[in-house]
C-alpha atoms as a PDB file:
ATOM      1  CA  UNK A   1      87.361  58.482 141.902  1.00  0.00           C
ATOM      2  CA  UNK A   2      90.888  57.153 141.411  1.00  0.00           C
ATOM      3  CA  UNK A   3      93.473  58.971 143.565  1.00  0.00           C
ATOM      4  CA  UNK A   4      96.080  60.943 141.715  1.00  0.00           C
ATOM      5  CA  UNK A   5      99.249  58.966 141.078  1.00  0.00           C
ATOM      6  CA  UNK A   6     102.347  59.751 143.161  1.00  0.00           C
ATOM      7  CA  UNK A   7     105.284  60.708 140.963  1.00  0.00           C
ATOM      8  CA  UNK A   8     108.547  59.007 141.839  1.00  0.00           C
ATOM      9  CA  UNK A   9     111.687  60.679 140.483  1.00  0.00           C
ATOM     10  CA  UNK A  10     114.427  58.256 139.429  1.00  0.00           C
ATOM     11  CA  UNK A  11     117.623  58.128 137.373  1.00  0.00           C
ATOM     12  CA  UNK A  12     117.281  56.284 134.097  1.00  0.00           C
ATOM     13  CA  UNK A  13     119.916  53.605 134.652  1.00  0.00           C
ATOM     14  CA  UNK A  14     118.869  49.944 134.829  1.00  0.00           C
ATOM     15  CA  UNK A  15     119.858  49.753 138.462  1.00  0.00           C
ATOM     16  CA  UNK A  16     118.070  53.000 139.417  1.00  0.00           C
ATOM     17  CA  UNK A  17     114.917  51.888 137.625  1.00  0.00           C
ATOM     18  CA  UNK A  18     115.024  48.500 139.335  1.00  0.00           C
ATOM     19  CA  UNK A  19     115.435  49.881 142.857  1.00  0.00           C
ATOM     20  CA  UNK A  20     112.897  52.666 142.221  1.00  0.00           C
ATOM     21  CA  UNK A  21     110.440  50.047 140.937  1.00  0.00           C
ATOM     22  CA  UNK A  22     110.859  48.097 144.175  1.00  0.00           C
ATOM     23  CA  UNK A  23     110.200  51.178 146.240  1.00  0.00           C
ATOM     24  CA  UNK A  24     107.178  52.078 144.045  1.00  0.00           C
ATOM     25  CA  UNK A  25     105.662  48.673 144.824  1.00  0.00           C
ATOM     26  CA  UNK A  26     106.179  49.226 148.554  1.00  0.00           C
ATOM     27  CA  UNK A  27     104.738  52.735 148.418  1.00  0.00           C
ATOM     28  CA  UNK A  28     101.648  51.478 146.576  1.00  0.00           C
ATOM     29  CA  UNK A  29     101.141  48.903 149.305  1.00  0.00           C
ATOM     30  CA  UNK A  30     101.377  51.359 152.205  1.00  0.00           C
ATOM     31  CA  UNK A  31      99.398  54.218 150.599  1.00  0.00           C
ATOM     32  CA  UNK A  32      96.979  52.398 148.302  1.00  0.00           C
ATOM     33  CA  UNK A  33      97.796  54.991 145.683  1.00  0.00           C
ATOM     34  CA  UNK A  34      99.177  54.422 142.195  1.00  0.00           C
ATOM     35  CA  UNK A  35     102.865  55.384 141.684  1.00  0.00           C
ATOM     36  CA  UNK A  36     104.369  56.364 138.359  1.00  0.00           C
ATOM     37  CA  UNK A  37     108.108  56.600 137.660  1.00  0.00           C
ATOM     38  CA  UNK A  38     109.429  59.874 136.226  1.00  0.00           C
ATOM     39  CA  UNK A  39     112.812  59.380 134.623  1.00  0.00           C
ATOM     40  CA  UNK A  40     115.378  62.191 135.188  1.00  0.00           C
ATOM     41  CA  UNK A  41     118.856  62.450 133.716  1.00  0.00           C
ATOM     42  CA  UNK A  42     121.579  63.589 136.105  1.00  0.00           C
ATOM     43  CA  UNK A  43     124.961  65.117 135.374  1.00  0.00           C
ATOM     44  CA  UNK A  44     126.660  61.975 136.612  1.00  0.00           C
ATOM     45  CA  UNK A  45     124.772  59.936 134.003  1.00  0.00           C
ATOM     46  CA  UNK A  46     125.876  61.997 131.012  1.00  0.00           C
ATOM     47  CA  UNK A  47     129.416  62.963 132.011  1.00  0.00           C
ATOM     48  CA  UNK A  48     132.123  60.506 130.868  1.00  0.00           C
ATOM     49  CA  UNK A  49     134.695  61.975 133.216  1.00  0.00           C
ATOM     50  CA  UNK A  50     135.886  59.926 136.229  1.00  0.00           C
ATOM     51  CA  UNK A  51     133.944  60.658 139.411  1.00  0.00           C
ATOM     52  CA  UNK A  52     137.007  62.057 141.151  1.00  0.00           C
ATOM     53  CA  UNK A  53     137.337  64.604 138.341  1.00  0.00           C
ATOM     54  CA  UNK A  54     133.698  65.805 138.336  1.00  0.00           C
ATOM     55  CA  UNK A  55     133.549  66.038 142.131  1.00  0.00           C
ATOM     56  CA  UNK A  56     131.574  62.939 142.979  1.00  0.00           C
ATOM     57  CA  UNK A  57     129.389  64.639 145.537  1.00  0.00           C
ATOM     58  CA  UNK A  58     125.838  65.154 144.338  1.00  0.00           C
ATOM     59  CA  UNK A  59     126.417  64.452 140.649  1.00  0.00           C
ATOM     60  CA  UNK A  60     123.754  61.744 140.632  1.00  0.00           C
ATOM     61  CA  UNK A  61     121.241  63.478 142.874  1.00  0.00           C
ATOM     62  CA  UNK A  62     121.142  67.246 142.139  1.00  0.00           C
ATOM     63  CA  UNK A  63     118.724  66.947 139.178  1.00  0.00           C
ATOM     64  CA  UNK A  64     116.403  64.755 141.202  1.00  0.00           C
ATOM     65  CA  UNK A  65     116.453  67.190 144.123  1.00  0.00           C
ATOM     66  CA  UNK A  66     115.781  70.096 141.742  1.00  0.00           C
ATOM     67  CA  UNK A  67     112.742  68.273 140.376  1.00  0.00           C
ATOM     68  CA  UNK A  68     111.464  67.740 143.949  1.00  0.00           C
ATOM     69  CA  UNK A  69     111.894  71.404 144.856  1.00  0.00           C
ATOM     70  CA  UNK A  70     110.100  72.516 141.653  1.00  0.00           C
ATOM     71  CA  UNK A  71     107.203  70.109 142.421  1.00  0.00           C
ATOM     72  CA  UNK A  72     107.739  68.086 139.261  1.00  0.00           C
ATOM     73  CA  UNK A  73     107.934  64.865 141.295  1.00  0.00           C
ATOM     74  CA  UNK A  74     106.462  63.999 144.723  1.00  0.00           C
ATOM     75  CA  UNK A  75     109.391  61.906 146.039  1.00  0.00           C
ATOM     76  CA  UNK A  76     112.671  60.525 144.785  1.00  0.00           C
ATOM     77  CA  UNK A  77     114.755  57.440 145.322  1.00  0.00           C
ATOM     78  CA  UNK A  78     118.540  57.658 145.554  1.00  0.00           C
ATOM     79  CA  UNK A  79     121.372  55.223 146.267  1.00  0.00           C
ATOM     80  CA  UNK A  80     122.186  56.600 149.690  1.00  0.00           C
ATOM     81  CA  UNK A  81     125.936  56.530 149.114  1.00  0.00           C
ATOM     82  CA  UNK A  82     125.408  59.138 146.381  1.00  0.00           C
ATOM     83  CA  UNK A  83     123.773  61.665 148.695  1.00  0.00           C
ATOM     84  CA  UNK A  84     125.854  64.663 149.826  1.00  0.00           C
ATOM     85  CA  UNK A  85     126.100  64.738 153.646  1.00  0.00           C
ATOM     86  CA  UNK A  86     124.384  68.153 153.880  1.00  0.00           C
ATOM     87  CA  UNK A  87     120.591  67.867 153.843  1.00  0.00           C
ATOM     88  CA  UNK A  88     118.702  70.752 152.087  1.00  0.00           C
ATOM     89  CA  UNK A  89     116.188  72.396 154.400  1.00  0.00           C
ATOM     90  CA  UNK A  90     113.329  72.180 151.909  1.00  0.00           C
ATOM     91  CA  UNK A  91     113.696  68.359 151.584  1.00  0.00           C
ATOM     92  CA  UNK A  92     113.441  65.545 154.128  1.00  0.00           C
ATOM     93  CA  UNK A  93     114.916  62.030 154.139  1.00  0.00           C
ATOM     94  CA  UNK A  94     111.563  60.371 154.772  1.00  0.00           C
ATOM     95  CA  UNK A  95     112.698  56.749 154.763  1.00  0.00           C
ATOM     96  CA  UNK A  96     115.752  54.538 154.710  1.00  0.00           C
ATOM     97  CA  UNK A  97     114.475  51.000 154.015  1.00  0.00           C
ATOM     98  CA  UNK A  98     116.208  47.816 155.158  1.00  0.00           C
ATOM     99  CA  UNK A  99     119.722  47.711 153.769  1.00  0.00           C
ATOM    100  CA  UNK A 100     120.865  45.300 151.039  1.00  0.00           C
ATOM    101  CA  UNK A 101     124.269  43.575 151.302  1.00  0.00           C
ATOM    102  CA  UNK A 102     126.804  46.420 151.770  1.00  0.00           C
ATOM    103  CA  UNK A 103     129.829  44.468 150.547  1.00  0.00           C
ATOM    104  CA  UNK A 104     131.836  44.970 147.400  1.00  0.00           C
ATOM    105  CA  UNK A 105     132.269  42.041 145.032  1.00  0.00           C
ATOM    106  CA  UNK A 106     134.626  40.880 142.302  1.00  0.00           C
ATOM    107  CA  UNK A 107     133.550  39.749 138.862  1.00  0.00           C
ATOM    108  CA  UNK A 108     136.619  38.137 137.431  1.00  0.00           C
ATOM    109  CA  UNK A 109     137.578  36.074 134.416  1.00  0.00           C
ATOM    110  CA  UNK A 110     137.592  32.286 134.724  1.00  0.00           C
ATOM    111  CA  UNK A 111     135.517  32.609 137.958  1.00  0.00           C
ATOM    112  CA  UNK A 112     138.680  33.559 139.904  1.00  0.00           C
ATOM    113  CA  UNK A 113     138.698  34.738 143.513  1.00  0.00           C
ATOM    114  CA  UNK A 114     140.467  37.999 144.369  1.00  0.00           C
ATOM    115  CA  UNK A 115     143.472  36.266 145.954  1.00  0.00           C
ATOM    116  CA  UNK A 116     143.742  33.835 143.029  1.00  0.00           C
ATOM    117  CA  UNK A 117     144.198  36.574 140.378  1.00  0.00           C
ATOM    118  CA  UNK A 118     147.463  36.221 138.441  1.00  0.00           C
ATOM    119  CA  UNK A 119     150.480  38.491 139.025  1.00  0.00           C
ATOM    120  CA  UNK A 120     149.916  41.861 137.360  1.00  0.00           C
ATOM    121  CA  UNK A 121     146.158  41.372 137.227  1.00  0.00           C
ATOM    122  CA  UNK A 122     144.286  44.475 136.048  1.00  0.00           C
ATOM    123  CA  UNK A 123     141.264  45.315 138.231  1.00  0.00           C
ATOM    124  CA  UNK A 124     138.809  47.977 137.167  1.00  0.00           C
ATOM    125  CA  UNK A 125     136.977  50.322 139.487  1.00  0.00           C
ATOM    126  CA  UNK A 126     135.750  53.896 139.380  1.00  0.00           C
ATOM    127  CA  UNK A 127     136.275  54.363 143.135  1.00  0.00           C
ATOM    128  CA  UNK A 128     139.432  55.760 144.798  1.00  0.00           C
ATOM    129  CA  UNK A 129     138.082  54.125 148.023  1.00  0.00           C
ATOM    130  CA  UNK A 130     138.226  50.673 146.439  1.00  0.00           C
ATOM    131  CA  UNK A 131     141.619  51.396 144.852  1.00  0.00           C
ATOM    132  CA  UNK A 132     143.094  52.502 148.189  1.00  0.00           C
ATOM    133  CA  UNK A 133     141.944  49.418 150.089  1.00  0.00           C
ATOM    134  CA  UNK A 134     142.639  46.865 147.325  1.00  0.00           C
ATOM    135  CA  UNK A 135     146.160  48.261 146.843  1.00  0.00           C
ATOM    136  CA  UNK A 136     146.784  48.368 150.611  1.00  0.00           C
ATOM    137  CA  UNK A 137     145.614  44.740 150.967  1.00  0.00           C
ATOM    138  CA  UNK A 138     147.765  43.665 147.986  1.00  0.00           C
ATOM    139  CA  UNK A 139     150.827  45.357 149.497  1.00  0.00           C
ATOM    140  CA  UNK A 140     150.247  43.676 152.851  1.00  0.00           C
ATOM    141  CA  UNK A 141     149.670  40.198 151.380  1.00  0.00           C
ATOM    142  CA  UNK A 142     152.220  40.070 148.596  1.00  0.00           C
ATOM    143  CA  UNK A 143     149.728  40.350 145.719  1.00  0.00           C
ATOM    144  CA  UNK A 144     150.710  42.034 142.488  1.00  0.00           C
ATOM    145  CA  UNK A 145     147.713  43.950 141.035  1.00  0.00           C
ATOM    146  CA  UNK A 146     147.072  47.065 139.000  1.00  0.00           C
ATOM    147  CA  UNK A 147     143.906  49.077 139.680  1.00  0.00           C
ATOM    148  CA  UNK A 148     142.478  50.721 136.551  1.00  0.00           C
ATOM    149  CA  UNK A 149     139.995  53.626 136.667  1.00  0.00           C
ATOM    150  CA  UNK A 150     136.761  52.883 134.734  1.00  0.00           C
ATOM    151  CA  UNK A 151     133.260  54.390 134.313  1.00  0.00           C
ATOM    152  CA  UNK A 152     130.036  52.999 132.938  1.00  0.00           C
ATOM    153  CA  UNK A 153     127.038  50.876 133.873  1.00  0.00           C
ATOM    154  CA  UNK A 154     127.176  47.279 135.028  1.00  0.00           C
ATOM    155  CA  UNK A 155     127.080  45.886 131.469  1.00  0.00           C
ATOM    156  CA  UNK A 156     129.964  48.146 130.405  1.00  0.00           C
ATOM    157  CA  UNK A 157     132.089  47.243 133.431  1.00  0.00           C
ATOM    158  CA  UNK A 158     131.528  43.509 133.233  1.00  0.00           C
ATOM    159  CA  UNK A 159     132.104  43.792 129.462  1.00  0.00           C
ATOM    160  CA  UNK A 160     135.705  44.836 130.134  1.00  0.00           C
ATOM    161  CA  UNK A 161     136.229  41.402 131.752  1.00  0.00           C
ATOM    162  CA  UNK A 162     134.337  39.473 129.061  1.00  0.00           C
ATOM    163  CA  UNK A 163     136.408  41.191 126.353  1.00  0.00           C
ATOM    164  CA  UNK A 164     139.705  40.417 128.124  1.00  0.00           C
ATOM    165  CA  UNK A 165     140.569  44.066 128.609  1.00  0.00           C
ATOM    166  CA  UNK A 166     140.561  43.592 132.411  1.00  0.00           C
ATOM    167  CA  UNK A 167     141.052  40.564 134.600  1.00  0.00           C
ATOM    168  CA  UNK A 168     138.353  41.669 137.118  1.00  0.00           C
ATOM    169  CA  UNK A 169     136.073  44.537 138.081  1.00  0.00           C
ATOM    170  CA  UNK A 170     134.820  45.569 141.507  1.00  0.00           C
ATOM    171  CA  UNK A 171     131.088  46.257 141.924  1.00  0.00           C
ATOM    172  CA  UNK A 172     128.611  46.646 144.765  1.00  0.00           C
ATOM    173  CA  UNK A 173     126.821  43.469 145.771  1.00  0.00           C
ATOM    174  CA  UNK A 174     123.611  45.416 146.371  1.00  0.00           C
ATOM    175  CA  UNK A 175     123.393  46.662 142.792  1.00  0.00           C
ATOM    176  CA  UNK A 176     123.909  43.239 141.270  1.00  0.00           C
ATOM    177  CA  UNK A 177     121.325  41.750 143.662  1.00  0.00           C
ATOM    178  CA  UNK A 178     118.746  44.380 142.740  1.00  0.00           C
ATOM    179  CA  UNK A 179     119.085  43.787 139.002  1.00  0.00           C
ATOM    180  CA  UNK A 180     119.160  39.996 139.367  1.00  0.00           C
ATOM    181  CA  UNK A 181     122.772  39.460 138.371  1.00  0.00           C
ATOM    182  CA  UNK A 182     124.341  38.184 141.594  1.00  0.00           C
ATOM    183  CA  UNK A 183     125.155  34.901 139.863  1.00  0.00           C
ATOM    184  CA  UNK A 184     127.965  36.729 137.954  1.00  0.00           C
ATOM    185  CA  UNK A 185     129.854  37.422 141.213  1.00  0.00           C
ATOM    186  CA  UNK A 186     133.049  35.357 141.485  1.00  0.00           C
ATOM    187  CA  UNK A 187     134.086  36.585 144.928  1.00  0.00           C
ATOM    188  CA  UNK A 188     132.669  38.600 147.818  1.00  0.00           C
ATOM    189  CA  UNK A 189     135.166  40.980 149.360  1.00  0.00           C
ATOM    190  CA  UNK A 190     135.076  40.755 153.156  1.00  0.00           C
ATOM    191  CA  UNK A 191     134.506  44.093 154.903  1.00  0.00           C
ATOM    192  CA  UNK A 192     137.754  43.255 156.738  1.00  0.00           C
ATOM    193  CA  UNK A 193     139.446  43.585 153.294  1.00  0.00           C
ATOM    194  CA  UNK A 194     137.442  46.469 151.779  1.00  0.00           C
ATOM    195  CA  UNK A 195     135.099  48.654 153.804  1.00  0.00           C
ATOM    196  CA  UNK A 196     132.200  49.854 151.648  1.00  0.00           C
ATOM    197  CA  UNK A 197     131.279  53.471 150.908  1.00  0.00           C
ATOM    198  CA  UNK A 198     129.269  55.156 153.658  1.00  0.00           C
ATOM    199  CA  UNK A 199     125.615  54.193 153.070  1.00  0.00           C
ATOM    200  CA  UNK A 200     126.443  51.537 150.463  1.00  0.00           C
ATOM    201  CA  UNK A 201     123.608  49.060 149.942  1.00  0.00           C
ATOM    202  CA  UNK A 202     120.993  51.441 151.402  1.00  0.00           C
ATOM    203  CA  UNK A 203     118.382  53.513 149.598  1.00  0.00           C
ATOM    204  CA  UNK A 204     117.251  57.025 150.466  1.00  0.00           C
ATOM    205  CA  UNK A 205     113.613  58.108 149.892  1.00  0.00           C
ATOM    206  CA  UNK A 206     113.400  61.872 149.827  1.00  0.00           C
ATOM    207  CA  UNK A 207     110.427  64.261 149.591  1.00  0.00           C
ATOM    208  CA  UNK A 208     109.400  67.840 150.251  1.00  0.00           C
ATOM    209  CA  UNK A 209     109.630  68.894 153.882  1.00  0.00           C
ATOM    210  CA  UNK A 210     106.196  70.563 153.431  1.00  0.00           C
ATOM    211  CA  UNK A 211     104.318  67.345 152.582  1.00  0.00           C
ATOM    212  CA  UNK A 212     103.508  66.000 156.069  1.00  0.00           C
ATOM    213  CA  UNK A 213     101.023  63.424 154.761  1.00  0.00           C
ATOM    214  CA  UNK A 214     103.529  61.883 152.340  1.00  0.00           C
ATOM    215  CA  UNK A 215     106.323  62.022 154.948  1.00  0.00           C
ATOM    216  CA  UNK A 216     104.154  59.984 157.328  1.00  0.00           C
ATOM    217  CA  UNK A 217     103.255  57.461 154.621  1.00  0.00           C
ATOM    218  CA  UNK A 218     106.862  56.973 153.488  1.00  0.00           C
ATOM    219  CA  UNK A 219     108.017  56.614 157.095  1.00  0.00           C
ATOM    220  CA  UNK A 220     106.286  53.205 157.065  1.00  0.00           C
ATOM    221  CA  UNK A 221     109.203  51.987 154.924  1.00  0.00           C
ATOM    222  CA  UNK A 222     111.901  53.202 157.304  1.00  0.00           C
ATOM    223  CA  UNK A 223     114.174  50.727 159.074  1.00  0.00           C
ATOM    224  CA  UNK A 224     115.478  52.292 162.317  1.00  0.00           C
ATOM    225  CA  UNK A 225     118.598  50.074 162.499  1.00  0.00           C
ATOM    226  CA  UNK A 226     119.586  50.849 158.886  1.00  0.00           C
ATOM    227  CA  UNK A 227     118.972  54.573 159.442  1.00  0.00           C
ATOM    228  CA  UNK A 228     121.103  54.625 162.611  1.00  0.00           C
ATOM    229  CA  UNK A 229     123.934  52.790 160.830  1.00  0.00           C
ATOM    230  CA  UNK A 230     124.023  54.987 157.745  1.00  0.00           C
ATOM    231  CA  UNK A 231     123.623  58.122 159.866  1.00  0.00           C
ATOM    232  CA  UNK A 232     126.760  57.186 161.819  1.00  0.00           C
ATOM    233  CA  UNK A 233     128.653  56.379 158.593  1.00  0.00           C
ATOM    234  CA  UNK A 234     127.648  59.632 156.942  1.00  0.00           C
ATOM    235  CA  UNK A 235     128.464  61.613 160.110  1.00  0.00           C
ATOM    236  CA  UNK A 236     131.952  60.178 159.913  1.00  0.00           C
ATOM    237  CA  UNK A 237     132.245  61.204 156.271  1.00  0.00           C
ATOM    238  CA  UNK A 238     130.944  64.704 156.977  1.00  0.00           C
ATOM    239  CA  UNK A 239     133.315  65.193 159.908  1.00  0.00           C
ATOM    240  CA  UNK A 240     136.230  64.134 157.732  1.00  0.00           C
ATOM    241  CA  UNK A 241     135.068  66.793 155.288  1.00  0.00           C
ATOM    242  CA  UNK A 242     135.272  64.336 152.438  1.00  0.00           C
ATOM    243  CA  UNK A 243     133.254  64.289 149.280  1.00  0.00           C
ATOM    244  CA  UNK A 244     131.861  61.009 147.971  1.00  0.00           C
ATOM    245  CA  UNK A 245     134.781  60.645 145.566  1.00  0.00           C
ATOM    246  CA  UNK A 246     137.316  60.716 148.423  1.00  0.00           C
ATOM    247  CA  UNK A 247     138.906  57.409 149.401  1.00  0.00           C
ATOM    248  CA  UNK A 248     136.826  56.913 152.555  1.00  0.00           C
ATOM    249  CA  UNK A 249     135.173  53.643 153.633  1.00  0.00           C
ATOM    250  CA  UNK A 250     132.845  53.192 156.531  1.00  0.00           C
ATOM    251  CA  UNK A 251     130.515  50.565 157.921  1.00  0.00           C
ATOM    252  CA  UNK A 252     128.357  50.524 161.051  1.00  0.00           C
ATOM    253  CA  UNK A 253     127.087  47.127 162.111  1.00  0.00           C
ATOM    254  CA  UNK A 254     125.147  45.755 165.018  1.00  0.00           C
ATOM    255  CA  UNK A 255     126.780  43.439 167.557  1.00  0.00           C
ATOM    256  CA  UNK A 256     124.306  40.973 168.978  1.00  0.00           C
ATOM    257  CA  UNK A 257     124.312  38.522 171.882  1.00  0.00           C
ATOM    258  CA  UNK A 258     122.043  35.801 170.583  1.00  0.00           C
ATOM    259  CA  UNK A 259     118.848  37.582 169.489  1.00  0.00           C
ATOM    260  CA  UNK A 260     119.535  40.691 171.512  1.00  0.00           C
ATOM    261  CA  UNK A 261     121.308  43.586 169.782  1.00  0.00           C
ATOM    262  CA  UNK A 262     123.835  44.986 172.281  1.00  0.00           C
ATOM    263  CA  UNK A 263     126.055  47.547 170.522  1.00  0.00           C
ATOM    264  CA  UNK A 264     126.868  49.319 167.282  1.00  0.00           C
ATOM    265  CA  UNK A 265     130.394  49.121 165.876  1.00  0.00           C
ATOM    266  CA  UNK A 266     131.557  51.768 163.421  1.00  0.00           C
ATOM    267  CA  UNK A 267     134.642  51.180 161.331  1.00  0.00           C
ATOM    268  CA  UNK A 268     136.291  53.790 159.084  1.00  0.00           C
ATOM    269  CA  UNK A 269     139.201  53.907 156.693  1.00  0.00           C
ATOM    270  CA  UNK A 270     140.934  56.610 154.742  1.00  0.00           C
ATOM    271  CA  UNK A 271     143.845  55.922 152.368  1.00  0.00           C
ATOM    272  CA  UNK A 272     145.863  57.084 149.424  1.00  0.00           C
ATOM    273  CA  UNK A 273     144.673  55.422 146.207  1.00  0.00           C
ATOM    274  CA  UNK A 274     148.024  53.661 145.765  1.00  0.00           C
ATOM    275  CA  UNK A 275     147.514  51.984 149.137  1.00  0.00           C
ATOM    276  CA  UNK A 276     150.813  53.163 150.587  1.00  0.00           C
ATOM    277  CA  UNK A 277     149.226  55.011 153.531  1.00  0.00           C
ATOM    278  CA  UNK A 278     145.987  54.226 155.338  1.00  0.00           C
ATOM    279  CA  UNK A 279     144.274  55.175 158.628  1.00  0.00           C
ATOM    280  CA  UNK A 280     141.776  52.544 159.794  1.00  0.00           C
ATOM    281  CA  UNK A 281     140.044  52.701 163.155  1.00  0.00           C
ATOM    282  CA  UNK A 282     136.837  51.549 164.849  1.00  0.00           C
ATOM    283  CA  UNK A 283     134.673  52.523 167.787  1.00  0.00           C
ATOM    284  CA  UNK A 284     131.903  50.716 169.601  1.00  0.00           C
ATOM    285  CA  UNK A 285     129.037  52.069 171.608  1.00  0.00           C
ATOM    286  CA  UNK A 286     125.384  51.573 172.566  1.00  0.00           C
ATOM    287  CA  UNK A 287     122.982  51.333 169.611  1.00  0.00           C
ATOM    288  CA  UNK A 288     121.990  54.993 169.025  1.00  0.00           C
ATOM    289  CA  UNK A 289     118.361  55.621 169.852  1.00  0.00           C
ATOM    290  CA  UNK A 290     118.355  59.108 168.380  1.00  0.00           C
ATOM    291  CA  UNK A 291     119.679  60.806 165.249  1.00  0.00           C
ATOM    292  CA  UNK A 292     121.981  62.873 167.465  1.00  0.00           C
ATOM    293  CA  UNK A 293     123.438  59.711 169.022  1.00  0.00           C
ATOM    294  CA  UNK A 294     124.290  58.233 165.657  1.00  0.00           C
ATOM    295  CA  UNK A 295     125.837  61.506 164.552  1.00  0.00           C
ATOM    296  CA  UNK A 296     127.954  61.612 167.708  1.00  0.00           C
ATOM    297  CA  UNK A 297     129.274  58.091 167.081  1.00  0.00           C
ATOM    298  CA  UNK A 298     130.492  59.134 163.598  1.00  0.00           C
ATOM    299  CA  UNK A 299     132.048  62.338 164.816  1.00  0.00           C
ATOM    300  CA  UNK A 300     133.855  60.538 167.657  1.00  0.00           C
ATOM    301  CA  UNK A 301     135.558  58.165 165.228  1.00  0.00           C
ATOM    302  CA  UNK A 302     136.382  60.999 162.811  1.00  0.00           C
ATOM    303  CA  UNK A 303     138.185  62.903 165.582  1.00  0.00           C
ATOM    304  CA  UNK A 304     140.331  59.813 166.330  1.00  0.00           C
ATOM    305  CA  UNK A 305     141.088  59.287 162.618  1.00  0.00           C
ATOM    306  CA  UNK A 306     142.067  62.905 162.110  1.00  0.00           C
ATOM    307  CA  UNK A 307     144.358  62.645 165.147  1.00  0.00           C
ATOM    308  CA  UNK A 308     146.015  59.669 163.429  1.00  0.00           C
ATOM    309  CA  UNK A 309     146.718  61.702 160.269  1.00  0.00           C
ATOM    310  CA  UNK A 310     143.644  61.051 158.150  1.00  0.00           C
ATOM    311  CA  UNK A 311     143.415  64.673 156.931  1.00  0.00           C
ATOM    312  CA  UNK A 312     146.841  64.416 155.320  1.00  0.00           C
ATOM    313  CA  UNK A 313     145.611  61.560 153.139  1.00  0.00           C
ATOM    314  CA  UNK A 314     142.358  63.100 151.942  1.00  0.00           C
ATOM    315  CA  UNK A 315     143.732  65.292 149.249  1.00  0.00           C
ATOM    316  CA  UNK A 316     146.275  62.851 147.900  1.00  0.00           C
ATOM    317  CA  UNK A 317     145.741  61.188 144.532  1.00  0.00           C
ATOM    318  CA  UNK A 318     147.532  58.455 142.701  1.00  0.00           C
ATOM    319  CA  UNK A 319     150.040  59.815 140.175  1.00  0.00           C
END
């Protein structure tokens, strides 16, 4: 008798379907069971308001989580950067697979690099975090740019450049890689220029906390280094009491000596969207071997950032 298919809850966007399809293949491999995709529309998919206006936090995941709790799907795949930092008791983050490229990228007209854009260049992004760091970099390096808030899927955003409405747009490298469109990237933004959103490039596989058998199966897909890194990043975000729409960037990476991983470095940044004020700090410590260790690394950096005035920047918006 054929085993009952596992139902994977996913958003309907091209990117969500692509990354959920990749996870479905991996789950079929580890469980030997068929997996079917169940498409779910979230508030973030139907609202045309900018993310900062609709709150950012949870707008892309609440409907998926509700379907999990109601038992309409067995597990769900999220872009980890969209997850609120508070984990519901009835759900468990069963796996965080190996992370894709966490960097942001530019798709610009005439294949231009970021630093080669003309004076007054209009750069589209829906992220206050990206605005804050791009504007801060431009101020520090004598560039004249205008950041323009946009919404929409990858096609819509790149379309603004193709149509000449914008000179460039900023997107996540991971998303373009997953839908096979990395060839459209004209420049990769170094993490020294723009730190990504906490968890950017990573996926979260979530299921009911009551389903021990499925939790164990999904755990096969977990990458401990990726999980430690994103846990530290999200701990920083939580300790700063910032929603996902706040201008916060964070990245934890591993520092190696040859083939031996020695330490984890966590970098964080908070800034006003106009780039006039930023707080950027980093901390380095042993690679966390426990969840609590990764959480402590994030909290430690958050305390330092708050002491440097980060809290005063959190609620500020560009006028």
